[in-house]
Amino acid sequence: MMRNVMLAAAMLAACALPARAQDGNSEVQGFGGMTFGSSSFAGTSTSSTFGGRVAIGLLPNLQAIVEGGRMTDIKPPLLDLLDFTPVDLRVTAWYGEGGVRFIASPYSHVRPYGEATFGFARLRTGLSGISDRTDAIIDTGLNFFNRTEPMLGAGGGILLQGGALSLDLGYRYNKILAGNGVASALNAGNAYTINQVRVGIGVRF
């Protein structure tokens, strides 16, 4: 499923190439940052995220975007109590998504933007800290319950541009819809709501 999503996203970007309005409004970027949850039970733990994206200029103020990345731990905050025990429980998410970005004038060095995306996240639940043999057995069993769920996203930020390089200071809000896997059960069947604060470095073309 994830392979099909990434292939479809790549095809979308490829189809957008002939429609570029002008050179310099497209970009390849790598990013890193932190994820954190809200005060509700449906929030997530504080952890790291990283990934990459391609933005293809369609118009001077519009880009098609394709992104893939990993959120290293999005388990509900209530389960942070396990941090005081030898047991380590994690819910990770590899994801792929595509969408559109509305961005300010390409002639400015400071460009505010907003974006909306849709994609899929592969949720994996892992447990360790009991014993090597038990951990291996549990992880093998949990693999059968990993699920790929739809993911919605929105965000904004500021793009600082100088020559061929750009610096992206941004915020993202993601919602991974609830399913019937172990990860969803750990969140009481609620959708995972994830906030990201991140920094990206890109090369324009």
Protein backbone atom coordinates (compact mmCIF):
# COMPACT_ATOMS: atom_id res chain seq x y z
CA MET A 1 0.00 0.00 0.00
CA MET A 2 2.72 2.50 0.99
CA ARG A 3 4.67 1.70 -2.18
CA ASN A 4 1.60 2.43 -4.30
CA VAL A 5 1.03 5.75 -2.49
CA MET A 6 4.61 6.89 -3.05
CA LEU A 7 4.46 5.82 -6.71
CA ALA A 8 1.25 7.78 -7.25
CA ALA A 9 2.75 10.83 -5.54
CA ALA A 10 5.87 10.64 -7.72
CA MET A 11 3.71 10.40 -10.86
CA LEU A 12 1.80 13.50 -9.73
CA ALA A 13 5.03 15.44 -9.40
CA ALA A 14 6.29 14.20 -12.77
CA CYS A 15 3.07 15.24 -14.49
CA ALA A 16 3.40 18.69 -12.94
CA LEU A 17 6.84 19.36 -14.42
CA PRO A 18 5.63 20.69 -17.80
CA ALA A 19 3.28 23.05 -16.01
CA ARG A 20 5.97 24.97 -14.12
CA ALA A 21 5.36 28.68 -14.47
CA GLN A 22 8.99 29.69 -14.12
CA ASP A 23 12.39 28.38 -13.03
CA GLY A 24 13.36 28.77 -9.39
CA ASN A 25 9.90 27.98 -8.02
CA SER A 26 10.65 24.27 -7.50
CA GLU A 27 12.66 22.68 -4.72
CA VAL A 28 14.10 19.50 -3.22
CA GLN A 29 14.25 19.59 0.58
CA GLY A 30 15.31 17.56 3.59
CA PHE A 31 13.86 18.33 7.02
CA GLY A 32 13.97 17.39 10.68
CA GLY A 33 12.07 18.45 13.77
CA MET A 34 9.94 17.51 16.75
CA THR A 35 6.46 16.07 17.11
CA PHE A 36 4.26 16.75 20.11
CA GLY A 37 0.67 16.23 21.18
CA SER A 38 -2.10 18.21 22.77
CA SER A 39 -3.37 17.99 26.33
CA SER A 40 -6.09 15.54 25.29
CA PHE A 41 -5.85 11.77 25.37
CA ALA A 42 -5.75 11.81 21.58
CA GLY A 43 -2.45 13.70 21.58
CA THR A 44 0.98 12.18 21.11
CA SER A 45 4.29 11.94 22.92
CA THR A 46 7.13 14.35 22.22
CA SER A 47 9.61 12.81 19.78
CA SER A 48 11.52 13.43 16.56
CA THR A 49 10.59 13.42 12.89
CA PHE A 50 12.59 13.55 9.66
CA GLY A 51 12.05 13.18 5.94
CA GLY A 52 12.24 14.79 2.52
CA ARG A 53 10.00 16.50 0.02
CA VAL A 54 9.82 17.72 -3.55
CA ALA A 55 7.91 20.88 -4.47
CA ILE A 56 7.12 21.54 -8.14
CA GLY A 57 6.15 25.06 -9.17
CA LEU A 58 2.84 25.14 -11.05
CA LEU A 59 2.33 28.91 -10.84
CA PRO A 60 4.35 31.68 -9.19
CA ASN A 61 2.22 31.27 -6.05
CA LEU A 62 1.30 27.58 -6.26
CA GLN A 63 3.34 24.37 -5.85
CA ALA A 64 2.51 20.67 -5.99
CA ILE A 65 4.26 18.90 -3.09
CA VAL A 66 5.21 15.27 -2.43
CA GLU A 67 6.62 14.27 0.95
CA GLY A 68 7.80 11.15 2.75
CA GLY A 69 9.12 10.76 6.28
CA ARG A 70 9.10 9.06 9.65
CA MET A 71 7.67 10.00 13.04
CA THR A 72 9.71 8.08 15.59
CA ASP A 73 7.12 7.86 18.38
CA ILE A 74 3.50 9.01 18.35
CA LYS A 75 2.09 6.93 21.22
CA PRO A 76 -0.54 8.65 23.43
CA PRO A 77 0.88 10.71 26.33
CA LEU A 78 -0.84 8.47 28.89
CA LEU A 79 1.58 5.70 27.92
CA ASP A 80 4.54 7.93 28.82
CA LEU A 81 4.13 6.46 32.31
CA LEU A 82 5.96 3.44 30.93
CA ASP A 83 9.09 5.62 30.81
CA PHE A 84 9.42 4.94 34.54
CA THR A 85 9.60 1.19 33.89
CA PRO A 86 12.07 -1.01 31.96
CA VAL A 87 9.42 -1.52 29.27
CA ASP A 88 9.73 0.58 26.09
CA LEU A 89 6.55 0.90 24.00
CA ARG A 90 6.66 2.84 20.73
CA VAL A 91 4.23 3.64 17.96
CA THR A 92 6.15 4.72 14.86
CA ALA A 93 4.78 5.98 11.56
CA TRP A 94 6.35 5.93 8.09
CA TYR A 95 4.25 8.09 5.81
CA GLY A 96 3.85 9.42 2.30
CA GLU A 97 1.62 12.29 1.22
CA GLY A 98 0.97 14.79 -1.54
CA GLY A 99 -0.84 18.10 -1.82
CA VAL A 100 -0.61 21.77 -2.71
CA ARG A 101 1.20 24.75 -1.23
CA PHE A 102 0.08 28.35 -1.61
CA ILE A 103 3.13 30.61 -1.33
CA ALA A 104 3.92 34.32 -1.46
CA SER A 105 5.76 36.10 -4.27
CA PRO A 106 8.77 34.24 -5.73
CA TYR A 107 10.62 37.56 -6.00
CA SER A 108 10.82 37.99 -2.23
CA HIS A 109 13.54 36.54 0.02
CA VAL A 110 10.90 35.93 2.74
CA ARG A 111 7.92 33.88 1.56
CA PRO A 112 5.08 32.91 3.96
CA TYR A 113 3.11 29.84 2.86
CA GLY A 114 0.22 27.54 3.72
CA GLU A 115 -0.43 24.00 2.52
CA ALA A 116 -2.87 21.07 2.60
CA THR A 117 -1.98 17.39 2.08
CA PHE A 118 -3.42 13.89 1.99
CA GLY A 119 -1.64 10.56 2.24
CA PHE A 120 -1.16 7.36 4.20
CA ALA A 121 0.82 6.39 7.31
CA ARG A 122 2.11 2.92 8.15
CA LEU A 123 1.71 2.50 11.91
CA ARG A 124 3.98 0.05 13.71
CA THR A 125 3.79 -0.84 17.40
CA GLY A 126 6.95 -2.13 19.08
CA LEU A 127 7.60 -3.39 22.61
CA SER A 128 10.94 -4.06 24.28
CA GLY A 129 12.56 -4.21 27.71
CA ILE A 130 11.09 -7.48 29.01
CA SER A 131 13.65 -10.01 27.79
CA ASP A 132 15.37 -10.59 24.45
CA ARG A 133 13.38 -13.72 23.68
CA THR A 134 10.04 -12.33 24.84
CA ASP A 135 10.62 -9.04 23.00
CA ALA A 136 11.28 -10.92 19.74
CA ILE A 137 8.13 -13.04 20.13
CA ILE A 138 5.95 -10.01 20.94
CA ASP A 139 7.37 -7.94 18.07
CA THR A 140 6.74 -10.79 15.63
CA GLY A 141 3.14 -11.03 16.81
CA LEU A 142 2.56 -7.30 16.67
CA ASN A 143 3.78 -7.18 13.06
CA PHE A 144 0.60 -8.99 12.01
CA PHE A 145 -1.47 -6.11 13.39
CA ASN A 146 0.38 -3.20 11.81
CA ARG A 147 -1.89 -1.10 9.64
CA THR A 148 -1.72 1.58 6.93
CA GLU A 149 -4.18 4.37 7.69
CA PRO A 150 -5.26 7.55 5.83
CA MET A 151 -3.57 10.77 6.96
CA LEU A 152 -4.69 14.39 6.54
CA GLY A 153 -2.38 17.36 6.92
CA ALA A 154 -2.26 21.15 6.98
CA GLY A 155 0.41 23.63 7.89
CA GLY A 156 2.26 26.83 7.26
CA GLY A 157 5.53 28.60 7.76
CA ILE A 158 8.11 30.93 6.28
CA LEU A 159 10.52 30.15 3.48
CA LEU A 160 13.77 32.14 3.54
CA GLN A 161 15.49 32.17 0.15
CA GLY A 162 18.99 33.17 -0.90
CA GLY A 163 20.35 32.10 -4.26
CA ALA A 164 19.78 28.41 -4.90
CA LEU A 165 19.35 27.58 -1.18
CA SER A 166 16.29 27.95 1.04
CA LEU A 167 15.52 27.59 4.74
CA ASP A 168 12.02 26.38 5.70
CA LEU A 169 10.74 27.19 9.21
CA GLY A 170 7.38 25.49 9.51
CA TYR A 171 4.56 23.94 11.50
CA ARG A 172 2.45 20.95 10.45
CA TYR A 173 -0.74 19.45 11.83
CA ASN A 174 -1.49 15.84 10.92
CA LYS A 175 -4.39 13.57 11.72
CA ILE A 176 -3.99 9.80 11.21
CA LEU A 177 -7.48 8.34 11.08
CA ALA A 178 -8.38 5.54 13.47
CA GLY A 179 -8.45 1.95 12.24
CA ASN A 180 -8.62 -1.47 13.85
CA GLY A 181 -4.94 -2.15 14.57
CA VAL A 182 -3.03 -2.26 17.84
CA ALA A 183 -1.88 1.36 17.43
CA SER A 184 -5.50 2.54 17.21
CA ALA A 185 -6.48 0.42 20.21
CA LEU A 186 -3.72 2.04 22.28
CA ASN A 187 -5.34 5.40 21.52
CA ALA A 188 -8.81 4.15 22.50
CA GLY A 189 -9.90 4.11 18.85
CA ASN A 190 -9.30 7.87 18.46
CA ALA A 191 -7.46 9.41 15.53
CA TYR A 192 -3.84 10.33 16.19
CA THR A 193 -3.41 14.11 16.17
CA ILE A 194 0.20 15.16 15.65
CA ASN A 195 1.83 18.58 15.72
CA GLN A 196 5.21 19.08 14.07
CA VAL A 197 7.68 21.94 14.42
CA ARG A 198 10.48 21.50 11.92
CA VAL A 199 13.32 23.02 9.94
CA GLY A 200 14.09 22.16 6.33
CA ILE A 201 17.00 22.95 4.04
CA GLY A 202 16.28 22.95 0.32
CA VAL A 203 17.85 23.45 -3.09
CA ARG A 204 15.84 25.41 -5.65
CA PHE A 205 15.72 24.67 -9.36
